[in-house]
Amino acid sequence: MEYENFENAFEHLKKIVQEFEDSDNISIDDLLKNYEEGMKAYSFCYKKLEDTQKKIKIIDDNFE
Protein backbone atom coordinates (compact mmCIF):
# COMPACT_ATOMS: atom_id res chain seq x y z
CA MET A 1 0.00 0.00 0.00
CA GLU A 2 1.25 3.47 -0.91
CA TYR A 3 0.65 6.29 1.55
CA GLU A 4 0.00 9.91 0.61
CA ASN A 5 1.04 11.33 3.96
CA PHE A 6 1.86 10.63 7.59
CA GLU A 7 -1.77 10.90 8.69
CA ASN A 8 -2.99 8.24 6.23
CA ALA A 9 -0.23 5.83 7.23
CA PHE A 10 -0.84 6.44 10.93
CA GLU A 11 -4.60 5.88 10.59
CA HIS A 12 -3.95 2.63 8.73
CA LEU A 13 -1.53 1.53 11.44
CA LYS A 14 -4.12 2.31 14.15
CA LYS A 15 -6.74 0.30 12.21
CA ILE A 16 -4.42 -2.71 12.00
CA VAL A 17 -3.64 -2.54 15.73
CA GLN A 18 -7.36 -2.30 16.50
CA GLU A 19 -8.00 -5.41 14.38
CA PHE A 20 -5.37 -7.29 16.38
CA GLU A 21 -6.93 -6.17 19.66
CA ASP A 22 -10.51 -6.98 18.59
CA SER A 23 -9.79 -10.39 17.10
CA ASP A 24 -9.83 -13.41 19.37
CA ASN A 25 -9.39 -15.89 16.57
CA ILE A 26 -7.22 -14.72 13.68
CA SER A 27 -5.75 -17.03 11.09
CA ILE A 28 -2.00 -17.22 10.71
CA ASP A 29 -2.34 -15.90 7.14
CA ASP A 30 -4.30 -12.85 8.29
CA LEU A 31 -1.87 -12.34 11.14
CA LEU A 32 1.07 -12.33 8.75
CA LYS A 33 -0.70 -10.06 6.26
CA ASN A 34 -1.64 -7.55 8.97
CA TYR A 35 1.85 -7.67 10.45
CA GLU A 36 3.42 -6.93 7.07
CA GLU A 37 1.00 -4.05 6.38
CA GLY A 38 1.57 -2.72 9.88
CA MET A 39 5.33 -2.74 9.45
CA LYS A 40 5.04 -0.87 6.15
CA ALA A 41 2.84 1.79 7.76
CA TYR A 42 5.18 1.98 10.77
CA SER A 43 8.25 2.37 8.53
CA PHE A 44 6.55 5.12 6.53
CA CYS A 45 5.59 7.00 9.71
CA TYR A 46 9.04 6.56 11.24
CA LYS A 47 10.76 7.89 8.11
CA LYS A 48 8.42 10.89 7.94
CA LEU A 49 9.10 11.75 11.58
CA GLU A 50 12.83 11.33 11.09
CA ASP A 51 12.76 13.60 8.00
CA THR A 52 10.73 16.18 9.90
CA GLN A 53 13.21 16.18 12.78
CA LYS A 54 16.07 16.77 10.32
CA LYS A 55 14.23 19.67 8.69
CA ILE A 56 13.47 21.24 12.07
CA LYS A 57 17.13 20.95 13.04
CA ILE A 58 18.17 22.68 9.80
CA ILE A 59 15.68 25.47 10.44
CA ASP A 60 16.84 25.84 14.05
CA ASP A 61 20.49 25.90 12.99
CA ASN A 62 19.76 28.68 10.51
CA PHE A 63 18.32 30.86 13.28
CA GLU A 64 21.17 30.45 15.75
C-alpha atoms as a PDB file:
ATOM      1  CA  MET A   1       0.000   0.000   0.000  1.00  0.00           C
ATOM      2  CA  GLU A   2       1.254   3.470  -0.909  1.00  0.00           C
ATOM      3  CA  TYR A   3       0.653   6.287   1.551  1.00  0.00           C
ATOM      4  CA  GLU A   4       0.001   9.906   0.612  1.00  0.00           C
ATOM      5  CA  ASN A   5       1.038  11.335   3.958  1.00  0.00           C
ATOM      6  CA  PHE A   6       1.856  10.626   7.586  1.00  0.00           C
ATOM      7  CA  GLU A   7      -1.769  10.899   8.687  1.00  0.00           C
ATOM      8  CA  ASN A   8      -2.986   8.239   6.232  1.00  0.00           C
ATOM      9  CA  ALA A   9      -0.233   5.834   7.227  1.00  0.00           C
ATOM     10  CA  PHE A  10      -0.838   6.444  10.935  1.00  0.00           C
ATOM     11  CA  GLU A  11      -4.595   5.883  10.586  1.00  0.00           C
ATOM     12  CA  HIS A  12      -3.949   2.633   8.726  1.00  0.00           C
ATOM     13  CA  LEU A  13      -1.533   1.534  11.439  1.00  0.00           C
ATOM     14  CA  LYS A  14      -4.118   2.305  14.150  1.00  0.00           C
ATOM     15  CA  LYS A  15      -6.738   0.302  12.211  1.00  0.00           C
ATOM     16  CA  ILE A  16      -4.415  -2.708  12.003  1.00  0.00           C
ATOM     17  CA  VAL A  17      -3.635  -2.539  15.729  1.00  0.00           C
ATOM     18  CA  GLN A  18      -7.360  -2.302  16.502  1.00  0.00           C
ATOM     19  CA  GLU A  19      -8.005  -5.408  14.377  1.00  0.00           C
ATOM     20  CA  PHE A  20      -5.365  -7.289  16.384  1.00  0.00           C
ATOM     21  CA  GLU A  21      -6.931  -6.169  19.661  1.00  0.00           C
ATOM     22  CA  ASP A  22     -10.511  -6.978  18.594  1.00  0.00           C
ATOM     23  CA  SER A  23      -9.786 -10.390  17.097  1.00  0.00           C
ATOM     24  CA  ASP A  24      -9.827 -13.406  19.366  1.00  0.00           C
ATOM     25  CA  ASN A  25      -9.393 -15.888  16.571  1.00  0.00           C
ATOM     26  CA  ILE A  26      -7.218 -14.717  13.685  1.00  0.00           C
ATOM     27  CA  SER A  27      -5.753 -17.034  11.094  1.00  0.00           C
ATOM     28  CA  ILE A  28      -1.996 -17.216  10.708  1.00  0.00           C
ATOM     29  CA  ASP A  29      -2.340 -15.902   7.137  1.00  0.00           C
ATOM     30  CA  ASP A  30      -4.304 -12.852   8.294  1.00  0.00           C
ATOM     31  CA  LEU A  31      -1.867 -12.343  11.141  1.00  0.00           C
ATOM     32  CA  LEU A  32       1.072 -12.334   8.748  1.00  0.00           C
ATOM     33  CA  LYS A  33      -0.704 -10.056   6.258  1.00  0.00           C
ATOM     34  CA  ASN A  34      -1.641  -7.554   8.971  1.00  0.00           C
ATOM     35  CA  TYR A  35       1.847  -7.667  10.451  1.00  0.00           C
ATOM     36  CA  GLU A  36       3.418  -6.929   7.070  1.00  0.00           C
ATOM     37  CA  GLU A  37       0.999  -4.054   6.381  1.00  0.00           C
ATOM     38  CA  GLY A  38       1.573  -2.720   9.885  1.00  0.00           C
ATOM     39  CA  MET A  39       5.334  -2.738   9.452  1.00  0.00           C
ATOM     40  CA  LYS A  40       5.040  -0.874   6.146  1.00  0.00           C
ATOM     41  CA  ALA A  41       2.842   1.788   7.763  1.00  0.00           C
ATOM     42  CA  TYR A  42       5.180   1.980  10.768  1.00  0.00           C
ATOM     43  CA  SER A  43       8.248   2.371   8.535  1.00  0.00           C
ATOM     44  CA  PHE A  44       6.554   5.120   6.534  1.00  0.00           C
ATOM     45  CA  CYS A  45       5.592   7.002   9.712  1.00  0.00           C
ATOM     46  CA  TYR A  46       9.043   6.563  11.242  1.00  0.00           C
ATOM     47  CA  LYS A  47      10.764   7.889   8.113  1.00  0.00           C
ATOM     48  CA  LYS A  48       8.423  10.891   7.942  1.00  0.00           C
ATOM     49  CA  LEU A  49       9.097  11.746  11.578  1.00  0.00           C
ATOM     50  CA  GLU A  50      12.830  11.331  11.085  1.00  0.00           C
ATOM     51  CA  ASP A  51      12.761  13.600   8.002  1.00  0.00           C
ATOM     52  CA  THR A  52      10.726  16.178   9.903  1.00  0.00           C
ATOM     53  CA  GLN A  53      13.207  16.183  12.775  1.00  0.00           C
ATOM     54  CA  LYS A  54      16.069  16.766  10.319  1.00  0.00           C
ATOM     55  CA  LYS A  55      14.229  19.674   8.692  1.00  0.00           C
ATOM     56  CA  ILE A  56      13.468  21.236  12.074  1.00  0.00           C
ATOM     57  CA  LYS A  57      17.126  20.952  13.044  1.00  0.00           C
ATOM     58  CA  ILE A  58      18.171  22.676   9.804  1.00  0.00           C
ATOM     59  CA  ILE A  59      15.681  25.471  10.440  1.00  0.00           C
ATOM     60  CA  ASP A  60      16.843  25.842  14.053  1.00  0.00           C
ATOM     61  CA  ASP A  61      20.488  25.896  12.989  1.00  0.00           C
ATOM     62  CA  ASN A  62      19.760  28.685  10.508  1.00  0.00           C
ATOM     63  CA  PHE A  63      18.318  30.859  13.280  1.00  0.00           C
ATOM     64  CA  GLU A  64      21.174  30.453  15.746  1.00  0.00           C
END
